[in-house]
Amino acid sequence: MTFEEVKTILTANGGLPPGPITPDASLARAGVDSMALVVLSLQVEDRLGLEISEDELATAASVGDLAALIRRHAECPA
């Protein structure tokens, strides 16, 4: 999943404003809270068939890292 796909999910489905969501923004700075991570987790499952918990997503240091984490799961599903 690309950064742009993550950003689209967070803004279109998670209701976050797009401005602060940049690849290097921390989750807190981008406004990504636990509810946004739940939405992202559900969308990743719907779109990619991958189950990634919001707790694991919360370990990402930045929004760009969220996309990388999802890509890693897609490449090497557990």
C-alpha atoms as a PDB file:
ATOM      1  CA  MET A   1       0.000   0.000   0.000  1.00  0.00           C
ATOM      2  CA  THR A   2       1.355   3.412  -0.908  1.00  0.00           C
ATOM      3  CA  PHE A   3       1.462   6.521   1.249  1.00  0.00           C
ATOM      4  CA  GLU A   4      -1.212   8.098  -0.973  1.00  0.00           C
ATOM      5  CA  GLU A   5      -3.525   5.118  -0.418  1.00  0.00           C
ATOM      6  CA  VAL A   6      -3.042   5.370   3.353  1.00  0.00           C
ATOM      7  CA  LYS A   7      -3.677   9.124   3.194  1.00  0.00           C
ATOM      8  CA  THR A   8      -6.860   8.578   1.175  1.00  0.00           C
ATOM      9  CA  ILE A   9      -8.167   6.062   3.711  1.00  0.00           C
ATOM     10  CA  LEU A  10      -7.348   8.353   6.630  1.00  0.00           C
ATOM     11  CA  THR A  11      -9.044  11.348   5.008  1.00  0.00           C
ATOM     12  CA  ALA A  12     -11.969   9.784   3.127  1.00  0.00           C
ATOM     13  CA  ASN A  13     -12.827   7.065   5.619  1.00  0.00           C
ATOM     14  CA  GLY A  14     -11.201   8.320   8.805  1.00  0.00           C
ATOM     15  CA  GLY A  15     -12.386  11.910   8.509  1.00  0.00           C
ATOM     16  CA  LEU A  16      -8.951  13.467   9.002  1.00  0.00           C
ATOM     17  CA  PRO A  17      -7.933  16.692   7.249  1.00  0.00           C
ATOM     18  CA  PRO A  18      -5.355  16.046   4.499  1.00  0.00           C
ATOM     19  CA  GLY A  19      -3.040  18.969   5.302  1.00  0.00           C
ATOM     20  CA  PRO A  20      -1.043  17.520   8.202  1.00  0.00           C
ATOM     21  CA  ILE A  21      -0.813  14.023   6.689  1.00  0.00           C
ATOM     22  CA  THR A  22       2.642  13.892   5.143  1.00  0.00           C
ATOM     23  CA  PRO A  23       4.975  10.901   4.856  1.00  0.00           C
ATOM     24  CA  ASP A  24       7.266  12.147   7.602  1.00  0.00           C
ATOM     25  CA  ALA A  25       4.530  13.350   9.988  1.00  0.00           C
ATOM     26  CA  SER A  26       4.279  11.487  13.261  1.00  0.00           C
ATOM     27  CA  LEU A  27       0.926   9.863  13.869  1.00  0.00           C
ATOM     28  CA  ALA A  28       0.158  12.430  16.575  1.00  0.00           C
ATOM     29  CA  ARG A  29       1.111  15.393  14.374  1.00  0.00           C
ATOM     30  CA  ALA A  30      -1.047  14.037  11.542  1.00  0.00           C
ATOM     31  CA  GLY A  31      -3.985  13.618  13.925  1.00  0.00           C
ATOM     32  CA  VAL A  32      -4.013   9.826  13.582  1.00  0.00           C
ATOM     33  CA  ASP A  33      -5.701   8.597  16.746  1.00  0.00           C
ATOM     34  CA  SER A  34      -6.865   5.153  17.808  1.00  0.00           C
ATOM     35  CA  MET A  35     -10.148   5.467  15.910  1.00  0.00           C
ATOM     36  CA  ALA A  36      -8.318   6.380  12.691  1.00  0.00           C
ATOM     37  CA  LEU A  37      -6.129   3.313  13.179  1.00  0.00           C
ATOM     38  CA  VAL A  38      -9.217   1.128  13.592  1.00  0.00           C
ATOM     39  CA  VAL A  39     -10.579   2.517  10.316  1.00  0.00           C
ATOM     40  CA  LEU A  40      -7.245   1.917   8.604  1.00  0.00           C
ATOM     41  CA  SER A  41      -7.055  -1.629   9.964  1.00  0.00           C
ATOM     42  CA  LEU A  42     -10.559  -2.421   8.699  1.00  0.00           C
ATOM     43  CA  GLN A  43      -9.868  -0.894   5.286  1.00  0.00           C
ATOM     44  CA  VAL A  44      -6.618  -2.840   4.919  1.00  0.00           C
ATOM     45  CA  GLU A  45      -8.522  -6.022   5.699  1.00  0.00           C
ATOM     46  CA  ASP A  46     -11.285  -5.163   3.214  1.00  0.00           C
ATOM     47  CA  ARG A  47      -8.964  -4.052   0.414  1.00  0.00           C
ATOM     48  CA  LEU A  48      -6.028  -6.417   0.835  1.00  0.00           C
ATOM     49  CA  GLY A  49      -7.355  -9.258   2.939  1.00  0.00           C
ATOM     50  CA  LEU A  50      -4.672  -8.580   5.550  1.00  0.00           C
ATOM     51  CA  GLU A  51      -5.354  -8.516   9.263  1.00  0.00           C
ATOM     52  CA  ILE A  52      -3.151  -5.927  10.952  1.00  0.00           C
ATOM     53  CA  SER A  53      -4.236  -4.821  14.387  1.00  0.00           C
ATOM     54  CA  GLU A  54      -4.533  -1.175  15.275  1.00  0.00           C
ATOM     55  CA  ASP A  55      -2.040  -1.866  18.074  1.00  0.00           C
ATOM     56  CA  GLU A  56       0.563  -2.929  15.530  1.00  0.00           C
ATOM     57  CA  LEU A  57      -0.270   0.021  13.282  1.00  0.00           C
ATOM     58  CA  ALA A  58       0.236   2.321  16.280  1.00  0.00           C
ATOM     59  CA  THR A  59       3.900   1.260  16.456  1.00  0.00           C
ATOM     60  CA  ALA A  60       4.646   3.187  13.250  1.00  0.00           C
ATOM     61  CA  ALA A  61       6.755   6.289  13.838  1.00  0.00           C
ATOM     62  CA  SER A  62       5.252   8.212  10.910  1.00  0.00           C
ATOM     63  CA  VAL A  63       2.453   8.049   8.384  1.00  0.00           C
ATOM     64  CA  GLY A  64       4.958   6.906   5.759  1.00  0.00           C
ATOM     65  CA  ASP A  65       5.963   4.106   8.110  1.00  0.00           C
ATOM     66  CA  LEU A  66       2.301   3.018   8.244  1.00  0.00           C
ATOM     67  CA  ALA A  67       2.370   2.444   4.485  1.00  0.00           C
ATOM     68  CA  ALA A  68       5.684   0.575   4.743  1.00  0.00           C
ATOM     69  CA  LEU A  69       4.355  -1.625   7.550  1.00  0.00           C
ATOM     70  CA  ILE A  70       1.306  -2.547   5.476  1.00  0.00           C
ATOM     71  CA  ARG A  71       3.499  -3.259   2.431  1.00  0.00           C
ATOM     72  CA  ARG A  72       5.690  -5.576   4.519  1.00  0.00           C
ATOM     73  CA  HIS A  73       2.618  -7.521   5.631  1.00  0.00           C
ATOM     74  CA  ALA A  74       1.425  -7.769   2.041  1.00  0.00           C
ATOM     75  CA  GLU A  75       4.800  -9.095   0.894  1.00  0.00           C
ATOM     76  CA  CYS A  76       5.172 -11.588   3.756  1.00  0.00           C
ATOM     77  CA  PRO A  77       1.741 -12.424   5.180  1.00  0.00           C
ATOM     78  CA  ALA A  78       1.883 -14.191   8.525  1.00  0.00           C
END
